[in-house]
Amino acid sequence: MGRVYLAQFENVAVTAAQDFFEVTPAANKPMVIHGYGLHQTSDTGDAAEEILRISLVRGHTTSGSGGSTVTPALLASSADTASGDTTVEINNTTIASTAGTTLYVHGMNVRAGLEVWFPPEARPGVSAADTTIVLRLLAAPADSLTMGGWIVFEETI
């Protein structure tokens, strides 16, 4: 088993379609996604309920923009090597583009959030040949949502 990392964002105002996470592996470090989760903390009543469409897409060749880059945290031990090879961008409001294959699509109830864990045989993988994998909000929410999310991935080599 390779090293397992966590990247996350918290307390972000989401008003438009965006790539919550854009993960780009290094040339020598293919990776698999173990799981991801999304939540919001601003709309709590029945009247504010909506379903957001979320997709996991692999293979874009043009990176998105408008967000920021985060350093993934190593889950096993902080004394071990941090990921210096995988690039993780969060909350890109200009989405990654040029091709791409949709692997999974979800409906996320904003009151319940979304948490997905993949069994080993169904973990989506990505290598430098695929370029990127993104977790995307497909359309803008009805109103501004204060959101957070996380993604757990493993560098397999």
Protein backbone atom coordinates (compact mmCIF):
# COMPACT_ATOMS: atom_id res chain seq x y z
CA MET A 1 0.00 0.00 0.00
CA GLY A 2 1.21 3.48 -0.87
CA ARG A 3 0.98 6.65 1.18
CA VAL A 4 -2.55 7.90 1.90
CA TYR A 5 -3.31 11.63 1.94
CA LEU A 6 -6.18 13.95 2.85
CA ALA A 7 -6.95 17.31 1.23
CA GLN A 8 -9.79 19.49 2.43
CA PHE A 9 -11.46 22.88 2.42
CA GLU A 10 -13.75 24.49 4.98
CA ASN A 11 -16.07 27.48 5.32
CA VAL A 12 -16.13 28.44 1.63
CA ALA A 13 -19.00 30.44 0.11
CA VAL A 14 -20.16 28.45 -2.91
CA THR A 15 -22.28 30.44 -5.37
CA ALA A 16 -21.37 28.90 -8.74
CA ALA A 17 -20.59 25.61 -10.45
CA GLN A 18 -17.00 24.69 -9.64
CA ASP A 19 -14.41 21.97 -9.19
CA PHE A 20 -14.34 21.31 -5.45
CA PHE A 21 -11.13 19.31 -5.95
CA GLU A 22 -8.76 19.01 -8.90
CA VAL A 23 -6.10 16.39 -8.24
CA THR A 24 -3.13 16.05 -10.59
CA PRO A 25 -0.70 13.18 -9.97
CA ALA A 26 3.00 13.37 -10.73
CA ALA A 27 4.44 11.47 -13.70
CA ASN A 28 5.79 8.73 -11.46
CA LYS A 29 2.93 8.51 -8.91
CA PRO A 30 -0.40 7.11 -10.12
CA MET A 31 -3.08 7.34 -7.49
CA VAL A 32 -6.50 6.06 -6.47
CA ILE A 33 -9.34 7.83 -4.69
CA HIS A 34 -10.42 6.10 -1.47
CA GLY A 35 -13.31 8.45 -0.72
CA TYR A 36 -14.63 11.99 -0.49
CA GLY A 37 -17.21 14.02 1.36
CA LEU A 38 -19.03 17.34 1.09
CA HIS A 39 -21.17 19.26 3.57
CA GLN A 40 -22.72 22.68 4.05
CA THR A 41 -23.51 24.61 7.22
CA SER A 42 -25.63 27.56 6.11
CA ASP A 43 -28.99 26.16 4.87
CA THR A 44 -30.65 24.09 7.57
CA GLY A 45 -34.44 24.44 7.19
CA ASP A 46 -36.88 22.50 5.05
CA ALA A 47 -37.51 25.52 2.83
CA ALA A 48 -33.79 25.74 1.98
CA GLU A 49 -33.50 22.09 0.95
CA GLU A 50 -32.10 21.37 -2.51
CA ILE A 51 -30.26 18.60 -4.31
CA LEU A 52 -26.87 19.44 -5.84
CA ARG A 53 -25.50 17.41 -8.75
CA ILE A 54 -21.92 16.26 -8.12
CA SER A 55 -19.67 14.36 -10.55
CA LEU A 56 -16.24 12.74 -10.50
CA VAL A 57 -14.48 13.30 -13.84
CA ARG A 58 -11.11 11.96 -14.99
CA GLY A 59 -8.91 13.13 -17.85
CA HIS A 60 -9.16 16.90 -18.30
CA THR A 61 -6.06 18.32 -19.98
CA THR A 62 -6.64 21.98 -19.10
CA SER A 63 -6.54 22.92 -15.43
CA GLY A 64 -9.23 25.07 -13.85
CA SER A 65 -8.62 28.38 -12.10
CA GLY A 66 -10.05 30.77 -9.54
CA GLY A 67 -9.43 28.60 -6.49
CA SER A 68 -6.31 27.82 -4.52
CA THR A 69 -3.72 25.08 -4.07
CA VAL A 70 -3.52 23.05 -0.86
CA THR A 71 -0.89 20.70 0.50
CA PRO A 72 -2.35 17.26 1.21
CA ALA A 73 -1.83 15.93 4.73
CA LEU A 74 -0.33 12.48 5.19
CA LEU A 75 -2.76 10.39 7.24
CA ALA A 76 -0.39 7.68 8.53
CA SER A 77 2.18 9.76 10.40
CA SER A 78 3.18 13.39 10.30
CA ALA A 79 6.81 12.23 10.54
CA ASP A 80 6.58 10.47 7.16
CA THR A 81 7.14 12.14 3.80
CA ALA A 82 4.56 14.73 2.79
CA SER A 83 3.17 14.65 -0.74
CA GLY A 84 5.32 16.88 -2.85
CA ASP A 85 4.34 15.34 -6.15
CA THR A 86 0.54 15.39 -6.29
CA THR A 87 -1.02 18.81 -6.89
CA VAL A 88 -4.42 19.50 -5.32
CA GLU A 89 -6.43 22.60 -6.20
CA ILE A 90 -9.66 23.47 -4.41
CA ASN A 91 -12.73 25.51 -5.34
CA ASN A 92 -11.76 26.38 -8.92
CA THR A 93 -14.66 28.48 -10.23
CA THR A 94 -13.40 28.14 -13.80
CA ILE A 95 -13.66 24.38 -14.24
CA ALA A 96 -11.04 22.10 -15.80
CA SER A 97 -11.78 21.47 -19.46
CA THR A 98 -10.87 19.66 -22.66
CA ALA A 99 -12.27 16.13 -22.74
CA GLY A 100 -12.68 14.06 -19.60
CA THR A 101 -14.64 10.92 -18.70
CA THR A 102 -17.40 11.07 -16.09
CA LEU A 103 -16.90 8.19 -13.66
CA TYR A 104 -19.59 8.81 -11.02
CA VAL A 105 -22.53 11.21 -10.62
CA HIS A 106 -24.28 11.86 -7.30
CA GLY A 107 -27.20 13.88 -6.01
CA MET A 108 -26.28 15.60 -2.74
CA ASN A 109 -29.08 16.70 -0.44
CA VAL A 110 -27.69 19.87 1.15
CA ARG A 111 -29.18 18.97 4.54
CA ALA A 112 -27.59 15.49 4.57
CA GLY A 113 -24.27 16.11 2.83
CA LEU A 114 -22.43 13.48 0.79
CA GLU A 115 -19.90 10.88 1.90
CA VAL A 116 -18.55 8.27 -0.52
CA TRP A 117 -16.10 5.47 0.28
CA PHE A 118 -15.04 3.14 -2.54
CA PRO A 119 -14.32 -0.58 -2.06
CA PRO A 120 -10.82 -1.46 -3.35
CA GLU A 121 -12.06 -2.94 -6.64
CA ALA A 122 -14.09 0.18 -7.49
CA ARG A 123 -11.60 2.92 -6.56
CA PRO A 124 -11.21 5.41 -9.39
CA GLY A 125 -7.59 5.80 -10.41
CA VAL A 126 -5.65 8.45 -12.25
CA SER A 127 -2.12 8.71 -13.60
CA ALA A 128 -0.16 11.42 -15.36
CA ALA A 129 -1.44 9.92 -18.63
CA ASP A 130 -5.00 10.81 -17.53
CA THR A 131 -3.84 14.28 -16.40
CA THR A 132 -6.40 15.06 -13.64
CA ILE A 133 -9.38 13.89 -11.68
CA VAL A 134 -11.95 16.43 -10.44
CA LEU A 135 -14.87 16.39 -8.03
CA ARG A 136 -17.30 18.87 -9.57
CA LEU A 137 -20.44 20.77 -8.67
CA LEU A 138 -22.34 20.68 -11.98
CA ALA A 139 -24.61 23.70 -11.46
CA ALA A 140 -24.82 26.68 -9.14
CA PRO A 141 -26.80 26.24 -5.92
CA ALA A 142 -30.06 28.17 -5.55
CA ASP A 143 -28.34 30.53 -3.10
CA SER A 144 -24.93 30.91 -1.50
CA LEU A 145 -23.91 27.87 0.58
CA THR A 146 -21.14 27.77 3.16
CA MET A 147 -19.44 24.49 2.32
CA GLY A 148 -16.59 22.20 3.28
CA GLY A 149 -15.23 18.99 1.84
CA TRP A 150 -12.47 16.41 1.90
CA ILE A 151 -10.88 13.86 -0.41
CA VAL A 152 -8.70 10.89 0.57
CA PHE A 153 -6.32 9.48 -2.03
CA GLU A 154 -3.39 7.08 -2.18
CA GLU A 155 -0.21 7.46 -4.22
CA THR A 156 0.13 3.86 -5.37
CA ILE A 157 3.85 3.87 -6.16
